[in-house]
Structure formats: C-alpha cells, structure tokens
Amino acid sequence: MATTLHETIAHRQRTLAATVLGSQTFWVLVAVVLACIFLSFATDSFATAKNLYNITRNVTFIAIIALGMTLVIITGGIDLSVGSVLCLCSMVLAVTMHAGYGIGTGIAVSVATALVIGAFNGILIAYLGFPPFVVTLGMLSVARSLAMVASNNTVVFEFGPDHAKLLALGGGAVFGIANPVIYMIVLALLTGFVLRWTRIGRYIYAIGGNEKAAVATGLPVRPIKVCVYMISALSAGIAGIIQTGWLGAVTTNIGAGMELQVIAAAVIGGANLAGGAGTAFGALVGAALIEVIRNSLGLLGINAFWQGTFIGGAIILAVLFDRIRNFRQSE
C-alpha cells in the first residue's frame, strides 16, 4: 500500500513537472526574470525604485486589455479595435467631465460606450457570420473617427469639478503601489476565476477548441461570443479611464497601435491564435515581457525603433514554440 502511494505521488510530481516545463507561460516568465536580473547588473538605473514603479505602472494598460483579448483569442477570434476603443472611451470620459458632469457619470458613459461597441462587434461576428478581422478592423477606424468628432480633434485636459478625483484614480498609489497595478491584479484574479472555475469559462475554451462540436452539444455559442467581445471592449474602456487619470489629458492619438502590443502580450503569454488556449496569468506575463523590452532599450542605449523587431520576434518564437509543442503531442 505504501509503495502504491509512493508511486502515485511520484507520478503526479512527474506530471506536474512536465506540465510546467511544457508551458509557454512558464518559459516567458523565466525570460522576464532573467532579463530583469541581467538589466539590474548591466545598468545602474533599472533596479531603482522609481524605474520599477514606472515599469509596473506602465505594464498595466497593455495587461488589462490583454486580459479581455485573451478571452477573444481563446474562442478563435481577434479584436483589432481595442486601441481605438480605448481612445474613444477616454475621450467620452474627458468630454463628459469637461462639460461639468461628475466622475461617476463620466465613467458610466464611458463604460456604456465600450459595451455598445463590443456588442456591435459581437453581433456582427456571432450572428451575421462576419469575419472578426474585418469587423474589428472596421471598428478600429470608426471608433477613432468618433473620438475625433467628440472632441473636434482637440486635446482635452480639464475635467470639470471632479478633475482631482480622476487624476487620483489613475495617478494615485496605495502603500507605494500604483493604483493601476491594483486594478490590474483585481481584474486578472477575476478573469482567472471566470476561466478556471465557472461554466462560461469552460464554454469559452470549448468554443475555441471545436466550435462545431460546441454547437452540436447545445452550448450557447453565439451569446458567449458576443459576451467575450463585450468584455474585450470593456477592458479597453477600463484601461482608457485609468490612463486618462494617469496622463491628465486626452488626445485623439492615444492608444494608436496598442492593439498590436495587446495581441502580442496575449500570444506571447500562451494564447493560441487558433483558439482553445490561453490564461489570465499568461496575459500578464506577456505584457510584462513587452514592457521590460521597451524599458530596456532606452537603458541600454538601443534605438527605440528596434522595439517592434523585438516584439515581433517574440511573437514568432511564441507561435513556433506552440507549433513544436503541438507536433510533439500529435506523435
């Protein structure tokens, strides 16, 4: 009996070790840790309290949107509109508060805008059969155009009577931890809980794994796909609200190109563009790697224009890793 128990424990340990070592998220986390260690010795300014504070704060905006993007990618979709949705939601918040309304009203209108956009994308994709790439690419242009219309393409930096409250919301800190970091952690825990422990989380993975089988088994595929696009847009809207408070001003070029970094964070963190795989923790790790790369270029005196090359290379390596893993599993 003791031998059997020992063998069972040993088998579980081997299985756990194999799972961890075969996880893309684990190796990306290792890369982040090694990069931080290297930069701590290679530069005098990386490991300073100020720089680490900036890194953890800056990573939140990509990470928060990557959480929503991960859900979309797990279902086999894509959302190219998140950068423009962030811009529109930020501008709606700014314009509403600039007109004299309170922060509660501004946030409510901004969140409602995000949910409407997400529902619109989801309905076209889930019920009318439009390709996600086409729908969200179109929304990328529409949302930024609406942001220009809402502000007359001007900078908004005065937020009415609750100006100070908005700046504290995005720019404040609790016990030395930036508020955006706290929001990111809470949202990541919530997303992880939904994916791991709820029925809708299991449905999301099932849809990405085999949508036809999910439909055949009676899963509410269409409503769930609408839901994930609404969550993706909502995550962009939340990031926009936080970033507005942090920056203290909104321009119509805010969030430009962010969708590529968000997708990169999700994919680097282990989300499979074919669907069926991805985690909330992976989205955070992927976003962290991107921010460490961005931060390190300046500290090492490397031209910032190389950032796209490093991020693009990381995406290709992540996809290559996934292909190799799938090939080994199929043998």
Protein backbone atom coordinates (compact mmCIF):
# COMPACT_ATOMS: atom_id res chain seq x y z
CA MET A 1 0.00 0.00 0.00
CA ALA A 2 2.86 2.34 0.90
CA THR A 3 4.63 1.52 -2.38
CA THR A 4 1.49 2.23 -4.38
CA LEU A 5 1.01 5.55 -2.64
CA HIS A 6 4.65 6.47 -3.23
CA GLU A 7 4.38 5.61 -6.92
CA THR A 8 1.18 7.65 -7.22
CA ILE A 9 2.81 10.70 -5.64
CA ALA A 10 5.90 10.32 -7.82
CA HIS A 11 3.74 10.05 -10.94
CA ARG A 12 1.85 13.21 -10.03
CA GLN A 13 5.10 15.05 -9.41
CA ARG A 14 6.46 13.97 -12.81
CA THR A 15 3.19 15.01 -14.46
CA LEU A 16 3.25 18.42 -12.74
CA ALA A 17 6.88 18.97 -13.71
CA ALA A 18 6.18 18.02 -17.33
CA THR A 19 3.18 20.35 -17.42
CA VAL A 20 5.16 23.27 -16.02
CA LEU A 21 8.19 22.72 -18.26
CA GLY A 22 5.91 22.35 -21.28
CA SER A 23 4.10 25.59 -20.52
CA GLN A 24 4.89 28.57 -22.72
CA THR A 25 3.87 30.92 -19.92
CA PHE A 26 6.50 29.39 -17.63
CA TRP A 27 9.33 29.97 -20.10
CA VAL A 28 8.19 33.52 -20.81
CA LEU A 29 8.18 34.15 -17.06
CA VAL A 30 11.71 32.75 -16.89
CA ALA A 31 12.70 35.11 -19.73
CA VAL A 32 11.24 38.08 -17.82
CA VAL A 33 13.11 37.15 -14.63
CA LEU A 34 16.41 36.59 -16.47
CA ALA A 35 16.02 39.88 -18.35
CA CYS A 36 15.41 41.73 -15.08
CA ILE A 37 18.46 40.13 -13.48
CA PHE A 38 20.64 40.98 -16.49
CA LEU A 39 19.43 44.59 -16.63
CA SER A 40 19.97 45.00 -12.90
CA PHE A 41 23.69 44.29 -13.42
CA ALA A 42 24.05 45.84 -16.88
CA THR A 43 22.59 49.23 -15.93
CA ASP A 44 22.54 51.39 -12.83
CA SER A 45 19.01 52.67 -13.32
CA PHE A 46 16.90 49.55 -13.96
CA ALA A 47 16.62 48.26 -10.41
CA THR A 48 15.88 51.67 -8.90
CA ALA A 49 12.60 52.16 -7.05
CA LYS A 50 11.47 54.84 -9.49
CA ASN A 51 12.09 52.73 -12.60
CA LEU A 52 10.44 49.62 -11.15
CA TYR A 53 7.46 51.76 -10.14
CA ASN A 54 7.20 53.06 -13.72
CA ILE A 55 7.52 49.57 -15.22
CA THR A 56 4.78 48.08 -13.05
CA ARG A 57 2.51 51.02 -13.74
CA ASN A 58 3.14 51.15 -17.47
CA VAL A 59 2.56 47.42 -17.95
CA THR A 60 -0.98 47.67 -16.57
CA PHE A 61 -2.57 49.34 -19.59
CA ILE A 62 -1.45 46.63 -22.02
CA ALA A 63 -2.10 43.89 -19.46
CA ILE A 64 -5.68 44.95 -18.66
CA ILE A 65 -6.66 44.97 -22.33
CA ALA A 66 -4.74 41.71 -22.89
CA LEU A 67 -7.00 40.04 -20.33
CA GLY A 68 -10.04 40.77 -22.48
CA MET A 69 -8.15 39.98 -25.67
CA THR A 70 -7.19 36.58 -24.27
CA LEU A 71 -10.85 35.61 -23.96
CA VAL A 72 -11.45 36.59 -27.57
CA ILE A 73 -8.40 34.67 -28.79
CA ILE A 74 -9.39 31.58 -26.79
CA THR A 75 -12.65 31.48 -28.78
CA GLY A 76 -10.64 31.66 -32.00
CA GLY A 77 -11.37 35.32 -32.68
CA ILE A 78 -9.39 38.56 -32.75
CA ASP A 79 -10.13 42.17 -31.81
CA LEU A 80 -8.16 44.81 -33.68
CA SER A 81 -10.26 47.71 -32.42
CA VAL A 82 -9.10 47.85 -28.78
CA GLY A 83 -6.64 50.73 -29.25
CA SER A 84 -9.29 52.90 -30.88
CA VAL A 85 -11.92 51.84 -28.34
CA LEU A 86 -9.56 52.96 -25.59
CA CYS A 87 -9.21 56.30 -27.35
CA LEU A 88 -12.97 56.75 -27.78
CA CYS A 89 -13.79 55.77 -24.20
CA SER A 90 -11.08 58.08 -22.87
CA MET A 91 -12.42 60.93 -24.96
CA VAL A 92 -16.04 60.27 -23.96
CA LEU A 93 -15.00 60.37 -20.31
CA ALA A 94 -12.98 63.56 -20.80
CA VAL A 95 -15.63 65.39 -22.80
CA THR A 96 -18.41 64.38 -20.39
CA MET A 97 -16.50 65.58 -17.34
CA HIS A 98 -15.30 68.71 -19.17
CA ALA A 99 -18.98 69.56 -19.74
CA GLY A 100 -19.46 69.71 -15.96
CA TYR A 101 -20.68 66.22 -15.12
CA GLY A 102 -19.22 64.23 -12.22
CA ILE A 103 -16.73 61.41 -12.41
CA GLY A 104 -19.45 58.79 -11.80
CA THR A 105 -21.43 59.97 -14.83
CA GLY A 106 -18.30 60.16 -16.95
CA ILE A 107 -17.24 56.62 -16.09
CA ALA A 108 -20.76 55.28 -16.64
CA VAL A 109 -20.99 56.86 -20.11
CA SER A 110 -17.51 55.62 -21.00
CA VAL A 111 -18.25 52.05 -19.88
CA ALA A 112 -21.59 52.10 -21.72
CA THR A 113 -19.78 53.22 -24.89
CA ALA A 114 -17.37 50.29 -24.61
CA LEU A 115 -20.16 47.77 -24.06
CA VAL A 116 -22.15 49.05 -27.04
CA ILE A 117 -19.11 48.77 -29.30
CA GLY A 118 -18.34 45.28 -28.02
CA ALA A 119 -21.94 44.17 -28.51
CA PHE A 120 -21.95 45.59 -32.04
CA ASN A 121 -18.76 43.71 -32.92
CA GLY A 122 -20.00 40.51 -31.31
CA ILE A 123 -23.40 40.53 -33.01
CA LEU A 124 -21.88 41.03 -36.46
CA ILE A 125 -19.40 38.22 -35.82
CA ALA A 126 -21.57 35.71 -33.95
CA TYR A 127 -24.99 36.18 -35.55
CA LEU A 128 -24.23 37.53 -39.03
CA GLY A 129 -21.09 35.50 -39.65
CA PHE A 130 -18.76 38.41 -40.41
CA PRO A 131 -15.02 37.62 -40.08
CA PRO A 132 -13.66 39.03 -36.77
CA PHE A 133 -10.68 40.54 -38.58
CA VAL A 134 -12.88 42.56 -40.92
CA VAL A 135 -15.37 43.73 -38.28
CA THR A 136 -12.82 44.83 -35.73
CA LEU A 137 -10.56 46.39 -38.36
CA GLY A 138 -13.51 48.49 -39.46
CA MET A 139 -14.29 49.42 -35.85
CA LEU A 140 -10.66 50.46 -35.40
CA SER A 141 -11.28 53.25 -37.89
CA VAL A 142 -14.82 54.07 -36.77
CA ALA A 143 -14.02 54.40 -33.05
CA ARG A 144 -11.06 56.71 -33.59
CA SER A 145 -13.09 58.82 -36.01
CA LEU A 146 -15.86 59.15 -33.41
CA ALA A 147 -13.25 60.23 -30.85
CA MET A 148 -12.17 63.00 -33.22
CA VAL A 149 -15.76 64.07 -33.72
CA ALA A 150 -16.48 64.08 -29.97
CA SER A 151 -13.52 66.36 -29.23
CA ASN A 152 -13.31 68.23 -32.53
CA ASN A 153 -9.82 66.69 -32.70
CA THR A 154 -8.56 68.79 -29.80
CA VAL A 155 -6.74 67.97 -26.57
CA VAL A 156 -8.97 67.73 -23.51
CA PHE A 157 -7.16 68.36 -20.21
CA GLU A 158 -9.78 69.99 -17.97
CA PHE A 159 -12.17 67.54 -16.35
CA GLY A 160 -14.65 69.75 -14.55
CA PRO A 161 -15.43 69.70 -10.82
CA ASP A 162 -14.10 66.16 -10.30
CA HIS A 163 -10.79 66.84 -12.05
CA ALA A 164 -8.73 65.96 -8.96
CA LYS A 165 -10.68 62.75 -8.34
CA LEU A 166 -9.95 61.48 -11.86
CA LEU A 167 -6.24 62.24 -11.52
CA ALA A 168 -6.17 60.42 -8.18
CA LEU A 169 -7.99 57.45 -9.73
CA GLY A 170 -5.33 56.88 -12.37
CA GLY A 171 -2.27 58.53 -10.88
CA GLY A 172 -2.56 57.73 -7.19
CA ALA A 173 -0.93 54.96 -5.18
CA VAL A 174 -1.66 52.83 -2.11
CA PHE A 175 1.28 51.85 0.14
CA GLY A 176 3.68 52.65 -2.69
CA ILE A 177 1.77 50.54 -5.23
CA ALA A 178 0.34 52.48 -8.17
CA ASN A 179 -3.46 52.35 -8.41
CA PRO A 180 -3.37 50.93 -11.97
CA VAL A 181 -1.36 47.94 -10.69
CA ILE A 182 -4.03 47.23 -8.07
CA TYR A 183 -6.77 47.41 -10.72
CA MET A 184 -4.77 45.06 -12.96
CA ILE A 185 -4.31 42.48 -10.21
CA VAL A 186 -8.00 42.54 -9.29
CA LEU A 187 -9.09 42.19 -12.92
CA ALA A 188 -6.57 39.39 -13.52
CA LEU A 189 -7.85 37.45 -10.50
CA LEU A 190 -11.43 37.93 -11.68
CA THR A 191 -10.59 36.82 -15.23
CA GLY A 192 -8.64 33.83 -13.97
CA PHE A 193 -11.53 32.81 -11.73
CA VAL A 194 -14.01 33.04 -14.60
CA LEU A 195 -11.84 30.96 -16.91
CA ARG A 196 -10.92 28.33 -14.34
CA TRP A 197 -13.94 27.92 -12.13
CA THR A 198 -17.10 28.99 -13.98
CA ARG A 199 -19.30 27.39 -16.58
CA ILE A 200 -18.87 30.27 -19.02
CA GLY A 201 -15.10 29.81 -18.77
CA ARG A 202 -15.41 26.15 -19.76
CA TYR A 203 -17.71 27.15 -22.61
CA ILE A 204 -15.16 29.70 -23.88
CA TYR A 205 -12.45 27.02 -24.06
CA ALA A 206 -14.90 24.58 -25.67
CA ILE A 207 -15.82 27.06 -28.40
CA GLY A 208 -12.16 27.72 -29.21
CA GLY A 209 -11.30 24.03 -29.13
CA ASN A 210 -14.03 22.93 -31.51
CA GLU A 211 -16.84 25.36 -32.29
CA LYS A 212 -18.83 22.87 -34.37
CA ALA A 213 -18.79 20.35 -31.54
CA ALA A 214 -19.80 23.08 -29.09
CA VAL A 215 -22.80 23.96 -31.28
CA ALA A 216 -23.72 20.28 -31.64
CA THR A 217 -23.72 19.80 -27.87
CA GLY A 218 -26.09 22.70 -27.40
CA LEU A 219 -23.73 25.29 -25.91
CA PRO A 220 -24.89 28.93 -26.27
CA VAL A 221 -22.06 29.69 -28.69
CA ARG A 222 -23.41 32.91 -30.17
CA PRO A 223 -24.28 34.68 -26.90
CA ILE A 224 -20.90 33.73 -25.43
CA LYS A 225 -19.04 35.10 -28.46
CA VAL A 226 -20.96 38.37 -28.12
CA CYS A 227 -20.07 38.37 -24.42
CA VAL A 228 -16.32 37.96 -25.00
CA TYR A 229 -16.23 40.83 -27.48
CA MET A 230 -18.09 42.99 -24.98
CA ILE A 231 -15.53 42.04 -22.33
CA SER A 232 -12.69 42.86 -24.72
CA ALA A 233 -14.13 46.31 -25.44
CA LEU A 234 -14.85 46.82 -21.73
CA SER A 235 -11.25 46.03 -20.83
CA ALA A 236 -10.14 48.66 -23.35
CA GLY A 237 -12.61 51.13 -21.87
CA ILE A 238 -11.38 50.47 -18.32
CA ALA A 239 -7.77 50.92 -19.43
CA GLY A 240 -8.79 54.17 -21.14
CA ILE A 241 -10.41 55.51 -17.96
CA ILE A 242 -7.33 54.66 -15.89
CA GLN A 243 -4.91 56.05 -18.47
CA THR A 244 -6.86 59.31 -18.68
CA GLY A 245 -6.46 59.79 -14.95
CA TRP A 246 -2.78 58.94 -15.18
CA LEU A 247 -1.95 61.23 -18.13
CA GLY A 248 -4.22 64.09 -17.11
CA ALA A 249 -5.08 64.78 -20.75
CA VAL A 250 -6.58 63.02 -23.76
CA THR A 251 -5.61 63.34 -27.41
CA THR A 252 -7.05 61.55 -30.41
CA ASN A 253 -3.83 59.58 -30.98
CA ILE A 254 -3.93 57.89 -27.57
CA GLY A 255 -3.91 54.10 -27.94
CA ALA A 256 -2.66 54.20 -31.53
CA GLY A 257 -1.03 50.88 -32.39
CA MET A 258 -1.83 49.45 -28.95
CA GLU A 259 -3.85 46.58 -30.43
CA LEU A 260 -0.67 45.00 -31.79
CA GLN A 261 1.05 45.12 -28.40
CA VAL A 262 -2.06 43.70 -26.73
CA ILE A 263 -2.30 40.79 -29.16
CA ALA A 264 1.43 40.24 -28.76
CA ALA A 265 1.08 40.11 -24.96
CA ALA A 266 -1.71 37.53 -25.16
CA VAL A 267 0.08 35.35 -27.73
CA ILE A 268 3.47 35.56 -26.03
CA GLY A 269 1.74 34.60 -22.79
CA GLY A 270 0.41 31.38 -24.28
CA ALA A 271 -2.87 32.24 -26.01
CA ASN A 272 -3.25 30.23 -29.22
CA LEU A 273 -4.43 32.24 -32.24
CA ALA A 274 -6.19 29.08 -33.45
CA GLY A 275 -8.27 29.11 -30.26
CA GLY A 276 -8.70 26.87 -27.26
CA ALA A 277 -5.72 28.00 -25.16
CA GLY A 278 -4.84 30.99 -23.00
CA THR A 279 -4.76 32.16 -19.39
CA ALA A 280 -5.10 35.39 -17.45
CA PHE A 281 -1.67 34.91 -15.87
CA GLY A 282 -0.17 34.39 -19.32
CA ALA A 283 -1.57 37.75 -20.45
CA LEU A 284 0.15 39.48 -17.52
CA VAL A 285 3.46 37.71 -18.16
CA GLY A 286 3.34 38.55 -21.87
CA ALA A 287 2.61 42.21 -21.11
CA ALA A 288 5.46 42.25 -18.58
CA LEU A 289 7.93 40.95 -21.16
CA ILE A 290 6.89 43.63 -23.66
CA GLU A 291 7.30 46.40 -21.08
CA VAL A 292 10.69 45.09 -19.93
CA ILE A 293 11.83 45.06 -23.57
CA ARG A 294 10.57 48.61 -24.09
CA ASN A 295 12.18 49.83 -20.89
CA SER A 296 15.49 48.09 -21.51
CA LEU A 297 16.05 49.61 -24.95
CA GLY A 298 16.41 53.10 -23.55
CA LEU A 299 18.54 51.99 -20.61
CA LEU A 300 20.93 50.08 -22.90
CA GLY A 301 21.16 52.95 -25.37
CA ILE A 302 19.44 50.99 -28.16
CA ASN A 303 17.35 52.88 -30.70
CA ALA A 304 13.68 52.69 -29.67
CA PHE A 305 12.76 51.88 -33.28
CA TRP A 306 14.02 48.34 -32.62
CA GLN A 307 11.10 47.73 -30.24
CA GLY A 308 8.84 46.42 -33.00
CA THR A 309 11.53 44.00 -34.13
CA PHE A 310 11.97 42.53 -30.66
CA ILE A 311 8.22 42.24 -30.03
CA GLY A 312 7.58 40.76 -33.48
CA GLY A 313 10.39 38.27 -32.97
CA ALA A 314 8.90 37.29 -29.61
CA ILE A 315 5.53 36.63 -31.27
CA ILE A 316 7.14 34.43 -33.92
CA LEU A 317 9.06 32.49 -31.27
CA ALA A 318 5.85 32.05 -29.24
CA VAL A 319 3.99 30.65 -32.24
CA LEU A 320 6.97 28.42 -33.10
CA PHE A 321 7.02 27.10 -29.53
CA ASP A 322 3.30 26.31 -29.77
CA ARG A 323 3.75 24.50 -33.10
CA ILE A 324 6.59 22.38 -31.73
CA ARG A 325 4.51 21.50 -28.67
CA ASN A 326 1.52 20.51 -30.79
CA PHE A 327 3.75 18.44 -33.07
CA ARG A 328 5.19 16.50 -30.11
CA GLN A 329 1.71 15.87 -28.69
CA SER A 330 0.48 14.53 -32.00
CA GLU A 331 3.29 11.96 -32.27
